PDB file of all heavy atoms in Angstrom:
ATOM      1  N   SER A   1      12.497   0.543   1.238  1.00  0.00           N
ATOM      2  CA  SER A   1      11.537  -0.461   1.446  1.00  0.00           C
ATOM      3  C   SER A   1      11.308  -0.749   2.958  1.00  0.00           C
ATOM      4  O   SER A   1      12.255  -0.493   3.771  1.00  0.00           O
ATOM      5  CB  SER A   1      12.058  -1.820   0.850  1.00  0.00           C
ATOM      6  OG  SER A   1      12.224  -1.720  -0.502  1.00  0.00           O
ATOM      7  N   LEU A   2      10.121  -1.231   3.320  1.00  0.00           N
ATOM      8  CA  LEU A   2       9.814  -1.521   4.641  1.00  0.00           C
ATOM      9  C   LEU A   2      10.196  -2.989   4.886  1.00  0.00           C
ATOM     10  O   LEU A   2      10.162  -3.780   3.862  1.00  0.00           O
ATOM     11  CB  LEU A   2       8.325  -1.382   4.877  1.00  0.00           C
ATOM     12  CG  LEU A   2       7.723   0.001   4.832  1.00  0.00           C
ATOM     13  CD1 LEU A   2       6.213  -0.104   4.966  1.00  0.00           C
ATOM     14  CD2 LEU A   2       8.287   0.779   5.964  1.00  0.00           C
ATOM     15  N   PRO A   3      10.523  -3.436   6.083  1.00  0.00           N
ATOM     16  CA  PRO A   3      10.759  -4.765   6.372  1.00  0.00           C
ATOM     17  C   PRO A   3       9.398  -5.572   6.145  1.00  0.00           C
ATOM     18  O   PRO A   3       8.322  -5.037   6.406  1.00  0.00           O
ATOM     19  CB  PRO A   3      11.176  -4.849   7.680  1.00  0.00           C
ATOM     20  CG  PRO A   3      10.749  -3.615   8.281  1.00  0.00           C
ATOM     21  CD  PRO A   3      10.625  -2.652   7.252  1.00  0.00           C
ATOM     22  N   VAL A   4       9.492  -6.852   5.949  1.00  0.00           N
ATOM     23  CA  VAL A   4       8.302  -7.650   5.667  1.00  0.00           C
ATOM     24  C   VAL A   4       7.489  -7.767   7.020  1.00  0.00           C
ATOM     25  O   VAL A   4       6.211  -7.660   6.980  1.00  0.00           O
ATOM     26  CB  VAL A   4       8.751  -9.168   5.391  1.00  0.00           C
ATOM     27  CG1 VAL A   4       7.587 -10.038   5.284  1.00  0.00           C
ATOM     28  CG2 VAL A   4       9.464  -9.133   4.033  1.00  0.00           C
ATOM     29  N   SER A   5       8.129  -7.567   8.175  1.00  0.00           N
ATOM     30  CA  SER A   5       7.369  -7.689   9.482  1.00  0.00           C
ATOM     31  C   SER A   5       6.432  -6.416   9.527  1.00  0.00           C
ATOM     32  O   SER A   5       5.495  -6.495  10.214  1.00  0.00           O
ATOM     33  CB  SER A   5       8.395  -7.648  10.538  1.00  0.00           C
ATOM     34  OG  SER A   5       9.214  -6.578  10.512  1.00  0.00           O
ATOM     35  N   ALA A   6       6.717  -5.352   8.787  1.00  0.00           N
ATOM     36  CA  ALA A   6       5.839  -4.142   8.866  1.00  0.00           C
ATOM     37  C   ALA A   6       4.490  -4.516   8.383  1.00  0.00           C
ATOM     38  O   ALA A   6       3.523  -3.770   8.610  1.00  0.00           O
ATOM     39  CB  ALA A   6       6.461  -2.993   8.053  1.00  0.00           C
ATOM     40  N   LEU A   7       4.281  -5.508   7.550  1.00  0.00           N
ATOM     41  CA  LEU A   7       3.009  -5.900   6.992  1.00  0.00           C
ATOM     42  C   LEU A   7       2.097  -6.486   8.022  1.00  0.00           C
ATOM     43  O   LEU A   7       0.906  -6.611   7.705  1.00  0.00           O
ATOM     44  CB  LEU A   7       3.161  -6.806   5.713  1.00  0.00           C
ATOM     45  CG  LEU A   7       3.911  -6.270   4.578  1.00  0.00           C
ATOM     46  CD1 LEU A   7       4.097  -7.321   3.569  1.00  0.00           C
ATOM     47  CD2 LEU A   7       3.049  -5.179   3.952  1.00  0.00           C
ATOM     48  N   ALA A   8       2.607  -6.744   9.225  1.00  0.00           N
ATOM     49  CA  ALA A   8       1.736  -7.197  10.280  1.00  0.00           C
ATOM     50  C   ALA A   8       0.802  -6.045  10.826  1.00  0.00           C
ATOM     51  O   ALA A   8      -0.149  -6.200  11.469  1.00  0.00           O
ATOM     52  CB  ALA A   8       2.557  -7.791  11.431  1.00  0.00           C
ATOM     53  N   ASP A   9       1.289  -4.785  10.504  1.00  0.00           N
ATOM     54  CA  ASP A   9       0.554  -3.594  10.977  1.00  0.00           C
ATOM     55  C   ASP A   9      -0.613  -3.374   9.986  1.00  0.00           C
ATOM     56  O   ASP A   9      -0.484  -3.166   8.735  1.00  0.00           O
ATOM     57  CB  ASP A   9       1.504  -2.474  10.995  1.00  0.00           C
ATOM     58  CG  ASP A   9       0.756  -1.084  11.476  1.00  0.00           C
ATOM     59  OD1 ASP A   9      -0.445  -1.086  11.770  1.00  0.00           O
ATOM     60  OD2 ASP A   9       1.534  -0.112  11.528  1.00  0.00           O
ATOM     61  N   ALA A  10      -1.890  -3.273  10.536  1.00  0.00           N
ATOM     62  CA  ALA A  10      -3.060  -3.011   9.636  1.00  0.00           C
ATOM     63  C   ALA A  10      -2.956  -1.708   8.899  1.00  0.00           C
ATOM     64  O   ALA A  10      -3.359  -1.684   7.697  1.00  0.00           O
ATOM     65  CB  ALA A  10      -4.284  -3.090  10.514  1.00  0.00           C
ATOM     66  N   ASP A  11      -2.417  -0.704   9.437  1.00  0.00           N
ATOM     67  CA  ASP A  11      -2.367   0.612   8.754  1.00  0.00           C
ATOM     68  C   ASP A  11      -1.443   0.457   7.582  1.00  0.00           C
ATOM     69  O   ASP A  11      -1.778   1.025   6.449  1.00  0.00           O
ATOM     70  CB  ASP A  11      -1.786   1.622   9.728  1.00  0.00           C
ATOM     71  CG  ASP A  11      -2.776   2.106  10.794  1.00  0.00           C
ATOM     72  OD1 ASP A  11      -4.023   1.852  10.557  1.00  0.00           O
ATOM     73  OD2 ASP A  11      -2.361   2.521  11.796  1.00  0.00           O
ATOM     74  N   VAL A  12      -0.259  -0.233   7.675  1.00  0.00           N
ATOM     75  CA  VAL A  12       0.587  -0.468   6.584  1.00  0.00           C
ATOM     76  C   VAL A  12      -0.058  -1.221   5.457  1.00  0.00           C
ATOM     77  O   VAL A  12      -0.047  -0.930   4.248  1.00  0.00           O
ATOM     78  CB  VAL A  12       1.908  -1.181   7.053  1.00  0.00           C
ATOM     79  CG1 VAL A  12       2.762  -1.549   5.800  1.00  0.00           C
ATOM     80  CG2 VAL A  12       2.639  -0.292   7.987  1.00  0.00           C
ATOM     81  N   LEU A  13      -0.845  -2.311   5.803  1.00  0.00           N
ATOM     82  CA  LEU A  13      -1.587  -3.081   4.916  1.00  0.00           C
ATOM     83  C   LEU A  13      -2.589  -2.309   4.079  1.00  0.00           C
ATOM     84  O   LEU A  13      -2.714  -2.375   2.918  1.00  0.00           O
ATOM     85  CB  LEU A  13      -2.222  -4.217   5.531  1.00  0.00           C
ATOM     86  CG  LEU A  13      -1.407  -5.560   5.832  1.00  0.00           C
ATOM     87  CD1 LEU A  13      -2.266  -6.570   6.616  1.00  0.00           C
ATOM     88  CD2 LEU A  13      -0.962  -6.134   4.542  1.00  0.00           C
ATOM     89  N   CYS A  14      -3.363  -1.481   4.873  1.00  0.00           N
ATOM     90  CA  CYS A  14      -4.317  -0.596   4.209  1.00  0.00           C
ATOM     91  C   CYS A  14      -3.693   0.364   3.264  1.00  0.00           C
ATOM     92  O   CYS A  14      -4.222   0.606   2.173  1.00  0.00           O
ATOM     93  CB  CYS A  14      -5.147   0.131   5.366  1.00  0.00           C
ATOM     94  SG  CYS A  14      -6.296  -0.987   6.052  1.00  0.00           S
ATOM     95  N   ARG A  15      -2.566   1.010   3.643  1.00  0.00           N
ATOM     96  CA  ARG A  15      -1.890   1.858   2.665  1.00  0.00           C
ATOM     97  C   ARG A  15      -1.413   1.030   1.406  1.00  0.00           C
ATOM     98  O   ARG A  15      -1.454   1.606   0.293  1.00  0.00           O
ATOM     99  CB  ARG A  15      -0.683   2.556   3.369  1.00  0.00           C
ATOM    100  CG  ARG A  15      -1.046   3.635   4.350  1.00  0.00           C
ATOM    101  CD  ARG A  15       0.091   4.581   4.665  1.00  0.00           C
ATOM    102  NE  ARG A  15       1.317   3.937   4.749  1.00  0.00           N
ATOM    103  CZ  ARG A  15       2.028   3.622   5.911  1.00  0.00           C
ATOM    104  NH1 ARG A  15       1.328   3.911   7.100  1.00  0.00           N
ATOM    105  NH2 ARG A  15       3.221   3.033   5.921  1.00  0.00           N
ATOM    106  N   ALA A  16      -0.948  -0.134   1.592  1.00  0.00           N
ATOM    107  CA  ALA A  16      -0.415  -0.874   0.477  1.00  0.00           C
ATOM    108  C   ALA A  16      -1.701  -1.258  -0.420  1.00  0.00           C
ATOM    109  O   ALA A  16      -1.544  -1.140  -1.688  1.00  0.00           O
ATOM    110  CB  ALA A  16       0.167  -2.222   0.939  1.00  0.00           C
ATOM    111  N   LEU A  17      -2.747  -1.693   0.168  1.00  0.00           N
ATOM    112  CA  LEU A  17      -3.913  -1.935  -0.632  1.00  0.00           C
ATOM    113  C   LEU A  17      -4.537  -0.751  -1.341  1.00  0.00           C
ATOM    114  O   LEU A  17      -4.977  -0.766  -2.470  1.00  0.00           O
ATOM    115  CB  LEU A  17      -5.045  -2.591   0.291  1.00  0.00           C
ATOM    116  CG  LEU A  17      -4.840  -3.891   0.721  1.00  0.00           C
ATOM    117  CD1 LEU A  17      -5.756  -4.353   1.869  1.00  0.00           C
ATOM    118  CD2 LEU A  17      -4.740  -5.009  -0.323  1.00  0.00           C
ATOM    119  N   ASP A  18      -4.445   0.418  -0.695  1.00  0.00           N
ATOM    120  CA  ASP A  18      -4.888   1.727  -1.260  1.00  0.00           C
ATOM    121  C   ASP A  18      -3.985   2.046  -2.493  1.00  0.00           C
ATOM    122  O   ASP A  18      -4.449   2.466  -3.567  1.00  0.00           O
ATOM    123  CB  ASP A  18      -4.877   2.833  -0.285  1.00  0.00           C
ATOM    124  CG  ASP A  18      -6.050   2.693   0.691  1.00  0.00           C
ATOM    125  OD1 ASP A  18      -7.036   2.051   0.480  1.00  0.00           O
ATOM    126  OD2 ASP A  18      -5.932   3.490   1.756  1.00  0.00           O
ATOM    127  N   ALA A  19      -2.764   1.802  -2.355  1.00  0.00           N
ATOM    128  CA  ALA A  19      -1.829   2.098  -3.390  1.00  0.00           C
ATOM    129  C   ALA A  19      -2.029   1.178  -4.610  1.00  0.00           C
ATOM    130  O   ALA A  19      -1.819   1.558  -5.734  1.00  0.00           O
ATOM    131  CB  ALA A  19      -0.360   1.916  -2.885  1.00  0.00           C
ATOM    132  N   MET A  20      -2.492  -0.032  -4.385  1.00  0.00           N
ATOM    133  CA  MET A  20      -2.748  -0.947  -5.546  1.00  0.00           C
ATOM    134  C   MET A  20      -3.929  -0.495  -6.374  1.00  0.00           C
ATOM    135  O   MET A  20      -4.233  -0.977  -7.438  1.00  0.00           O
ATOM    136  CB  MET A  20      -3.042  -2.334  -4.939  1.00  0.00           C
ATOM    137  CG  MET A  20      -1.844  -2.986  -4.419  1.00  0.00           C
ATOM    138  SD  MET A  20      -2.292  -4.658  -3.767  1.00  0.00           S
ATOM    139  CE  MET A  20      -1.123  -4.764  -2.524  1.00  0.00           C
ATOM    140  N   CYS A  21      -4.756   0.442  -5.791  1.00  0.00           N
ATOM    141  CA  CYS A  21      -5.917   0.871  -6.456  1.00  0.00           C
ATOM    142  C   CYS A  21      -5.611   2.199  -7.345  1.00  0.00           C
ATOM    143  O   CYS A  21      -6.534   2.799  -7.808  1.00  0.00           O
ATOM    144  CB  CYS A  21      -7.030   1.198  -5.428  1.00  0.00           C
ATOM    145  SG  CYS A  21      -7.660  -0.232  -4.575  1.00  0.00           S
ATOM    146  N   ARG A  22      -4.392   2.527  -7.346  1.00  0.00           N
ATOM    147  CA  ARG A  22      -3.882   3.748  -8.174  1.00  0.00           C
ATOM    148  C   ARG A  22      -2.943   3.338  -9.176  1.00  0.00           C
ATOM    149  O   ARG A  22      -2.201   2.449  -9.028  1.00  0.00           O
ATOM    150  CB  ARG A  22      -3.292   4.723  -7.165  1.00  0.00           C
ATOM    151  CG  ARG A  22      -4.226   5.128  -6.060  1.00  0.00           C
ATOM    152  CD  ARG A  22      -4.564   6.655  -6.287  1.00  0.00           C
ATOM    153  NE  ARG A  22      -5.793   6.945  -5.485  1.00  0.00           N
ATOM    154  CZ  ARG A  22      -6.908   7.415  -6.058  1.00  0.00           C
ATOM    155  NH1 ARG A  22      -6.996   7.563  -7.315  1.00  0.00           N
ATOM    156  NH2 ARG A  22      -7.888   7.668  -5.348  1.00  0.00           N
ATOM    157  N   LYS A  23      -2.991   4.069 -10.316  1.00  0.00           N
ATOM    158  CA  LYS A  23      -1.996   3.958 -11.325  1.00  0.00           C
ATOM    159  C   LYS A  23      -0.785   4.791 -10.943  1.00  0.00           C
ATOM    160  O   LYS A  23      -0.884   5.581  -9.929  1.00  0.00           O
ATOM    161  CB  LYS A  23      -2.628   4.442 -12.630  1.00  0.00           C
ATOM    162  CG  LYS A  23      -3.747   3.635 -13.119  1.00  0.00           C
ATOM    163  CD  LYS A  23      -4.166   3.965 -14.553  1.00  0.00           C
ATOM    164  CE  LYS A  23      -4.900   5.251 -14.603  1.00  0.00           C
ATOM    165  NZ  LYS A  23      -5.485   5.518 -15.885  1.00  0.00           N
ATOM    166  N   LEU A  24       0.243   4.643 -11.685  1.00  0.00           N
ATOM    167  CA  LEU A  24       1.506   5.445 -11.325  1.00  0.00           C
ATOM    168  C   LEU A  24       1.371   6.932 -11.495  1.00  0.00           C
ATOM    169  O   LEU A  24       1.927   7.641 -10.723  1.00  0.00           O
ATOM    170  CB  LEU A  24       2.578   4.942 -12.252  1.00  0.00           C
ATOM    171  CG  LEU A  24       3.165   3.590 -12.120  1.00  0.00           C
ATOM    172  CD1 LEU A  24       4.259   3.218 -13.101  1.00  0.00           C
ATOM    173  CD2 LEU A  24       3.679   3.384 -10.655  1.00  0.00           C
ATOM    174  N   ASP A  25       0.321   7.381 -12.305  1.00  0.00           N
ATOM    175  CA  ASP A  25       0.097   8.771 -12.326  1.00  0.00           C
ATOM    176  C   ASP A  25      -0.789   9.252 -11.266  1.00  0.00           C
ATOM    177  O   ASP A  25      -1.221  10.496 -11.161  1.00  0.00           O
ATOM    178  CB  ASP A  25      -0.531   9.159 -13.815  1.00  0.00           C
ATOM    179  CG  ASP A  25      -1.875   8.516 -14.037  1.00  0.00           C
ATOM    180  OD1 ASP A  25      -2.430   7.846 -13.145  1.00  0.00           O
ATOM    181  OD2 ASP A  25      -2.347   8.645 -15.168  1.00  0.00           O
ATOM    182  N   GLY A  26      -1.216   8.410 -10.390  1.00  0.00           N
ATOM    183  CA  GLY A  26      -2.112   8.782  -9.140  1.00  0.00           C
ATOM    184  C   GLY A  26      -3.542   8.620  -9.381  1.00  0.00           C
ATOM    185  O   GLY A  26      -4.330   8.823  -8.541  1.00  0.00           O
ATOM    186  N   LYS A  27      -3.969   8.484 -10.674  1.00  0.00           N
ATOM    187  CA  LYS A  27      -5.415   8.288 -10.989  1.00  0.00           C
ATOM    188  C   LYS A  27      -5.896   6.978 -10.569  1.00  0.00           C
ATOM    189  O   LYS A  27      -5.037   5.955 -10.397  1.00  0.00           O
ATOM    190  CB  LYS A  27      -5.625   8.422 -12.432  1.00  0.00           C
ATOM    191  CG  LYS A  27      -5.383   9.840 -12.997  1.00  0.00           C
ATOM    192  CD  LYS A  27      -5.599   9.926 -14.357  1.00  0.00           C
ATOM    193  CE  LYS A  27      -5.268  11.361 -14.956  1.00  0.00           C
ATOM    194  NZ  LYS A  27      -5.381  11.327 -16.508  1.00  0.00           N
ATOM    195  N   ALA A  28      -7.195   6.750 -10.279  1.00  0.00           N
ATOM    196  CA  ALA A  28      -7.763   5.494  -9.872  1.00  0.00           C
ATOM    197  C   ALA A  28      -7.581   4.525 -10.975  1.00  0.00           C
ATOM    198  O   ALA A  28      -7.780   4.642 -12.176  1.00  0.00           O
ATOM    199  CB  ALA A  28      -9.249   5.727  -9.550  1.00  0.00           C
ATOM    200  N   ALA A  29      -7.102   3.282 -10.543  1.00  0.00           N
ATOM    201  CA  ALA A  29      -7.011   2.180 -11.529  1.00  0.00           C
ATOM    202  C   ALA A  29      -8.411   1.508 -11.568  1.00  0.00           C
ATOM    203  O   ALA A  29      -9.314   1.627 -10.762  1.00  0.00           O
ATOM    204  CB  ALA A  29      -5.976   1.097 -10.876  1.00  0.00           C
TER     205      ALA A  29
END
């Protein structure tokens, strides 16, 4: 896991948001 402070980085936030748009199998949600 990343520390909570890493969420201050825009790149980390964008990666997190992109991950939320995918299912566990990698297909688009």
